[in-house]
């Protein structure tokens, strides 16, 4: 745990928050362009209504949205509040991870991991897909990161992939056989394997229980609000992502309570 006890310490926290906001701005680009299968590098950021390129002073994370009143400077079209929301979430998580790990390799890798989950969450909410271009490379890359730098044993990370992906595959297969409809997409299965690769197999019970609880509460609330029946599809990727981030911060304590470590 990083202890703040000086001006330098507070300055590091500020830098972490600003850095997170900048990364969040880039995540917004990825969230919009990856599902559209377009380049995340070119063209540069522009208004989706009038196509005017966004000037650097209008592209400051969070701040520009507030100064512009949530509207384009040129055409006054409304800017989606998702943009500052993503930036604020990334900035806050970056700050909390610095408090957790300090400026370290663990901080950087954990922030990359959470940034990927932020992308997955907002893409799944909008399009109800989890792109393979994110999860398939993520499985081996986060496996290596976890075993080399995050103090996760090789066998624990490997079992995380096998149990995470395999368990969800069996659940999805069983649901499809019983109900004759697809209840869980392949994206969720690959996401669970990626989570197990980075956090180890011990994390999976926590992630599954917490995501199911959050999913049930949110799903029922949405169905009541929209007047839908139990067949209404609610993307599960965001709940898995939230649970994985919760485990990153508090899961070790919960695991120890159940004597799994």
Protein backbone atom coordinates (compact mmCIF):
# COMPACT_ATOMS: atom_id res chain seq x y z
CA UNK A 1 0.00 0.00 0.00
CA UNK A 2 1.39 3.38 -1.06
CA UNK A 3 1.50 5.96 1.74
CA UNK A 4 1.06 9.66 0.97
CA UNK A 5 3.07 11.72 3.43
CA UNK A 6 4.57 14.62 1.49
CA UNK A 7 4.04 17.13 -1.29
CA UNK A 8 5.78 14.71 -3.66
CA UNK A 9 3.32 12.00 -2.71
CA UNK A 10 0.31 14.17 -3.49
CA UNK A 11 1.92 15.27 -6.75
CA UNK A 12 2.33 11.62 -7.77
CA UNK A 13 -1.35 11.03 -7.05
CA UNK A 14 -2.25 14.03 -9.21
CA UNK A 15 -0.06 12.75 -12.03
CA UNK A 16 -1.69 9.32 -11.74
CA UNK A 17 -5.14 10.89 -12.02
CA UNK A 18 -4.16 13.02 -15.03
CA UNK A 19 -2.44 10.07 -16.70
CA UNK A 20 -5.55 7.96 -16.19
CA UNK A 21 -7.70 10.66 -17.78
CA UNK A 22 -5.42 10.83 -20.83
CA UNK A 23 -5.57 7.05 -21.20
CA UNK A 24 -9.34 7.25 -20.80
CA UNK A 25 -9.48 9.67 -23.73
CA UNK A 26 -7.67 7.08 -25.85
CA UNK A 27 -10.01 4.35 -24.59
CA UNK A 28 -12.93 6.38 -25.93
CA UNK A 29 -11.38 6.18 -29.38
CA UNK A 30 -10.97 2.42 -29.04
CA UNK A 31 -14.51 1.95 -27.71
CA UNK A 32 -15.97 3.72 -30.73
CA UNK A 33 -13.66 2.44 -33.47
CA UNK A 34 -12.91 -1.20 -32.60
CA UNK A 35 -16.51 -2.39 -33.13
CA UNK A 36 -16.57 -0.41 -36.40
CA UNK A 37 -13.35 -2.15 -37.45
CA UNK A 38 -11.61 1.15 -38.22
CA UNK A 39 -8.16 2.46 -37.33
CA UNK A 40 -7.66 3.69 -33.76
CA UNK A 41 -4.87 5.99 -34.99
CA UNK A 42 -6.28 7.75 -38.05
CA UNK A 43 -8.22 9.96 -38.65
CA UNK A 44 -7.68 12.19 -35.65
CA UNK A 45 -10.50 12.93 -33.22
CA UNK A 46 -13.34 14.88 -34.80
CA UNK A 47 -16.95 15.84 -34.13
CA UNK A 48 -19.26 13.02 -35.18
CA UNK A 49 -21.87 15.52 -36.36
CA UNK A 50 -19.97 18.18 -38.33
CA UNK A 51 -16.71 16.19 -38.83
CA UNK A 52 -14.61 19.17 -37.66
CA UNK A 53 -11.26 18.05 -36.19
CA UNK A 54 -11.10 18.59 -32.44
CA UNK A 55 -8.44 21.06 -31.36
CA UNK A 56 -6.04 20.00 -28.57
CA UNK A 57 -7.51 22.57 -26.17
CA UNK A 58 -10.95 21.04 -26.73
CA UNK A 59 -9.65 17.54 -26.13
CA UNK A 60 -8.50 17.85 -22.50
CA UNK A 61 -9.95 14.88 -20.59
CA UNK A 62 -13.01 15.75 -18.48
CA UNK A 63 -12.16 19.49 -18.39
CA UNK A 64 -13.00 20.24 -22.03
CA UNK A 65 -16.38 18.54 -21.76
CA UNK A 66 -17.27 20.73 -18.77
CA UNK A 67 -15.99 23.95 -20.35
CA UNK A 68 -17.89 23.26 -23.56
CA UNK A 69 -21.06 22.40 -21.71
CA UNK A 70 -21.14 18.97 -23.33
CA UNK A 71 -21.48 20.45 -26.84
CA UNK A 72 -19.31 20.76 -29.94
CA UNK A 73 -17.67 24.18 -30.20
CA UNK A 74 -18.51 24.43 -33.93
CA UNK A 75 -21.97 22.92 -34.44
CA UNK A 76 -23.27 22.74 -30.85
CA UNK A 77 -24.14 19.07 -31.24
CA UNK A 78 -24.36 17.26 -27.93
CA UNK A 79 -21.32 15.23 -26.90
CA UNK A 80 -22.15 11.89 -25.32
CA UNK A 81 -21.60 11.89 -21.53
CA UNK A 82 -19.98 8.48 -22.02
CA UNK A 83 -16.76 10.26 -23.05
CA UNK A 84 -16.12 12.10 -19.77
CA UNK A 85 -17.47 9.11 -17.84
CA UNK A 86 -14.82 6.81 -19.33
CA UNK A 87 -12.12 9.41 -18.68
CA UNK A 88 -13.22 9.87 -15.08
CA UNK A 89 -13.40 6.13 -14.43
CA UNK A 90 -9.92 5.57 -15.89
CA UNK A 91 -8.49 8.52 -13.93
CA UNK A 92 -10.01 7.29 -10.66
CA UNK A 93 -8.83 3.72 -11.15
CA UNK A 94 -5.33 4.96 -11.98
CA UNK A 95 -5.31 6.95 -8.74
CA UNK A 96 -6.51 4.00 -6.67
CA UNK A 97 -3.96 1.66 -8.24
CA UNK A 98 -1.12 4.04 -7.40
CA UNK A 99 -2.34 4.05 -3.81
CA UNK A 100 -2.41 0.25 -3.96
CA UNK A 101 0.93 -0.43 -5.67
CA UNK A 102 2.85 2.85 -5.83
CA UNK A 103 4.71 3.70 -9.03
CA UNK A 104 5.69 0.18 -10.06
CA UNK A 105 5.41 -2.46 -12.74
CA UNK A 106 2.42 -3.87 -10.84
CA UNK A 107 0.65 -0.52 -11.09
CA UNK A 108 1.27 -0.27 -14.82
CA UNK A 109 0.17 -3.83 -15.63
CA UNK A 110 -2.89 -3.60 -13.41
CA UNK A 111 -3.88 -0.32 -15.05
CA UNK A 112 -3.50 -1.85 -18.51
CA UNK A 113 -5.67 -4.75 -17.35
CA UNK A 114 -8.39 -2.46 -16.00
CA UNK A 115 -8.21 -0.25 -19.12
CA UNK A 116 -8.95 -3.30 -21.24
CA UNK A 117 -11.92 -4.10 -19.00
CA UNK A 118 -13.22 -0.54 -19.38
CA UNK A 119 -13.11 -0.94 -23.16
CA UNK A 120 -14.89 -4.27 -22.96
CA UNK A 121 -17.55 -2.90 -20.62
CA UNK A 122 -18.60 0.02 -22.80
CA UNK A 123 -18.37 -1.91 -26.06
CA UNK A 124 -20.53 -4.68 -24.61
CA UNK A 125 -23.06 -2.19 -23.25
CA UNK A 126 -23.40 -0.50 -26.63
CA UNK A 127 -23.09 -3.42 -29.05
CA UNK A 128 -23.53 -6.54 -26.88
CA UNK A 129 -20.27 -7.99 -28.18
CA UNK A 130 -16.83 -8.58 -26.69
CA UNK A 131 -14.39 -8.35 -29.62
CA UNK A 132 -11.96 -11.25 -30.07
CA UNK A 133 -9.32 -8.71 -31.05
CA UNK A 134 -9.22 -7.71 -27.38
CA UNK A 135 -9.65 -10.98 -25.49
CA UNK A 136 -7.69 -13.45 -27.65
CA UNK A 137 -4.39 -11.53 -27.45
CA UNK A 138 -5.25 -10.60 -23.88
CA UNK A 139 -5.25 -14.20 -22.63
CA UNK A 140 -1.58 -15.00 -23.36
CA UNK A 141 -0.34 -11.46 -22.69
CA UNK A 142 -1.98 -11.18 -19.29
CA UNK A 143 -0.92 -14.74 -18.49
CA UNK A 144 2.71 -13.75 -19.03
CA UNK A 145 2.29 -10.48 -17.15
CA UNK A 146 0.75 -12.23 -14.16
CA UNK A 147 3.33 -14.99 -13.89
CA UNK A 148 6.35 -12.74 -14.48
CA UNK A 149 5.42 -9.63 -12.50
CA UNK A 150 2.22 -10.03 -10.46
CA UNK A 151 3.26 -12.84 -8.12
CA UNK A 152 0.77 -15.28 -9.65
CA UNK A 153 2.08 -18.83 -9.89
CA UNK A 154 2.34 -20.32 -13.36
CA UNK A 155 0.00 -23.18 -12.50
CA UNK A 156 -2.56 -20.80 -10.91
CA UNK A 157 -2.68 -18.62 -14.03
CA UNK A 158 -2.87 -21.66 -16.29
CA UNK A 159 -5.70 -23.14 -14.25
CA UNK A 160 -7.35 -19.73 -14.38
CA UNK A 161 -7.50 -19.95 -18.18
CA UNK A 162 -8.68 -23.56 -18.23
CA UNK A 163 -11.22 -23.29 -15.42
CA UNK A 164 -12.40 -19.81 -16.35
CA UNK A 165 -12.98 -20.53 -20.01
CA UNK A 166 -13.99 -24.16 -19.50
CA UNK A 167 -16.43 -23.48 -16.68
CA UNK A 168 -18.27 -20.80 -18.62
CA UNK A 169 -18.30 -22.95 -21.74
CA UNK A 170 -20.00 -25.77 -19.82
CA UNK A 171 -22.50 -23.34 -18.28
CA UNK A 172 -23.30 -21.90 -21.72
CA UNK A 173 -23.59 -25.37 -23.25
CA UNK A 174 -25.84 -26.61 -20.47
CA UNK A 175 -28.10 -23.56 -20.72
CA UNK A 176 -28.38 -23.95 -24.48
CA UNK A 177 -29.23 -27.65 -24.18
CA UNK A 178 -31.88 -27.02 -21.52
CA UNK A 179 -33.48 -23.85 -22.89
CA UNK A 180 -32.68 -24.36 -26.59
CA UNK A 181 -31.42 -20.78 -26.78
CA UNK A 182 -28.00 -19.19 -26.38
CA UNK A 183 -27.68 -17.81 -22.86
CA UNK A 184 -24.03 -16.75 -22.90
CA UNK A 185 -21.90 -15.66 -25.80
CA UNK A 186 -18.42 -16.85 -26.69
CA UNK A 187 -17.09 -13.42 -25.78
CA UNK A 188 -17.97 -13.96 -22.11
CA UNK A 189 -16.16 -17.31 -22.15
CA UNK A 190 -12.98 -15.77 -23.56
CA UNK A 191 -13.25 -12.86 -21.14
CA UNK A 192 -13.46 -15.24 -18.19
CA UNK A 193 -10.36 -17.05 -19.45
CA UNK A 194 -8.53 -13.72 -19.68
CA UNK A 195 -9.56 -12.80 -16.13
CA UNK A 196 -8.36 -16.16 -14.84
CA UNK A 197 -5.07 -15.74 -16.68
CA UNK A 198 -4.26 -12.46 -14.92
CA UNK A 199 -5.84 -13.03 -11.51
CA UNK A 200 -5.40 -16.79 -11.10
CA UNK A 201 -8.00 -19.52 -10.66
CA UNK A 202 -8.60 -18.49 -7.03
CA UNK A 203 -10.29 -15.33 -8.28
CA UNK A 204 -12.94 -17.10 -10.30
CA UNK A 205 -15.36 -17.96 -7.49
CA UNK A 206 -15.35 -14.33 -6.34
CA UNK A 207 -15.82 -12.97 -9.86
CA UNK A 208 -18.60 -15.44 -10.69
CA UNK A 209 -20.53 -14.85 -7.47
CA UNK A 210 -20.23 -11.06 -7.45
CA UNK A 211 -20.94 -10.64 -11.17
CA UNK A 212 -23.99 -12.91 -10.88
CA UNK A 213 -25.29 -10.92 -7.92
CA UNK A 214 -24.78 -7.56 -9.64
CA UNK A 215 -26.16 -8.93 -12.89
CA UNK A 216 -29.30 -10.26 -11.21
CA UNK A 217 -29.98 -6.95 -9.44
CA UNK A 218 -29.34 -4.82 -12.53
CA UNK A 219 -31.06 -7.23 -14.92
CA UNK A 220 -34.25 -7.45 -12.88
CA UNK A 221 -34.28 -3.69 -12.36
CA UNK A 222 -33.88 -3.04 -16.10
CA UNK A 223 -36.60 -5.56 -16.99
CA UNK A 224 -39.02 -3.97 -14.53
CA UNK A 225 -38.17 -0.47 -15.77
CA UNK A 226 -38.53 -1.39 -19.44
CA UNK A 227 -41.40 -3.84 -18.96
CA UNK A 228 -39.48 -6.74 -20.48
CA UNK A 229 -39.77 -10.43 -19.65
CA UNK A 230 -37.04 -12.79 -18.38
CA UNK A 231 -35.80 -13.38 -21.93
CA UNK A 232 -34.56 -9.78 -22.21
CA UNK A 233 -30.82 -9.89 -22.93
CA UNK A 234 -28.52 -7.98 -20.58
CA UNK A 235 -24.80 -8.05 -21.48
CA UNK A 236 -22.83 -9.92 -18.83
CA UNK A 237 -19.35 -8.65 -19.73
CA UNK A 238 -19.69 -5.42 -17.70
CA UNK A 239 -20.59 -7.37 -14.56
CA UNK A 240 -17.62 -9.69 -15.00
CA UNK A 241 -15.39 -6.66 -15.46
CA UNK A 242 -16.70 -4.91 -12.34
CA UNK A 243 -16.21 -8.06 -10.29
CA UNK A 244 -12.67 -8.51 -11.63
CA UNK A 245 -11.74 -4.94 -10.64
CA UNK A 246 -13.25 -5.53 -7.20
CA UNK A 247 -11.11 -8.65 -6.84
CA UNK A 248 -8.02 -6.73 -7.86
CA UNK A 249 -8.52 -4.48 -4.83
CA UNK A 250 -10.26 -6.65 -2.25
CA UNK A 251 -10.35 -10.21 -3.54
CA UNK A 252 -7.25 -11.41 -1.71
CA UNK A 253 -8.87 -10.65 1.65
CA UNK A 254 -12.04 -12.47 0.63
CA UNK A 255 -10.01 -15.45 -0.60
CA UNK A 256 -8.12 -15.70 2.66
CA UNK A 257 -11.38 -15.65 4.61
CA UNK A 258 -12.43 -18.80 2.78
CA UNK A 259 -8.99 -20.37 3.37
CA UNK A 260 -8.29 -20.81 -0.32
CA UNK A 261 -4.85 -19.35 0.28
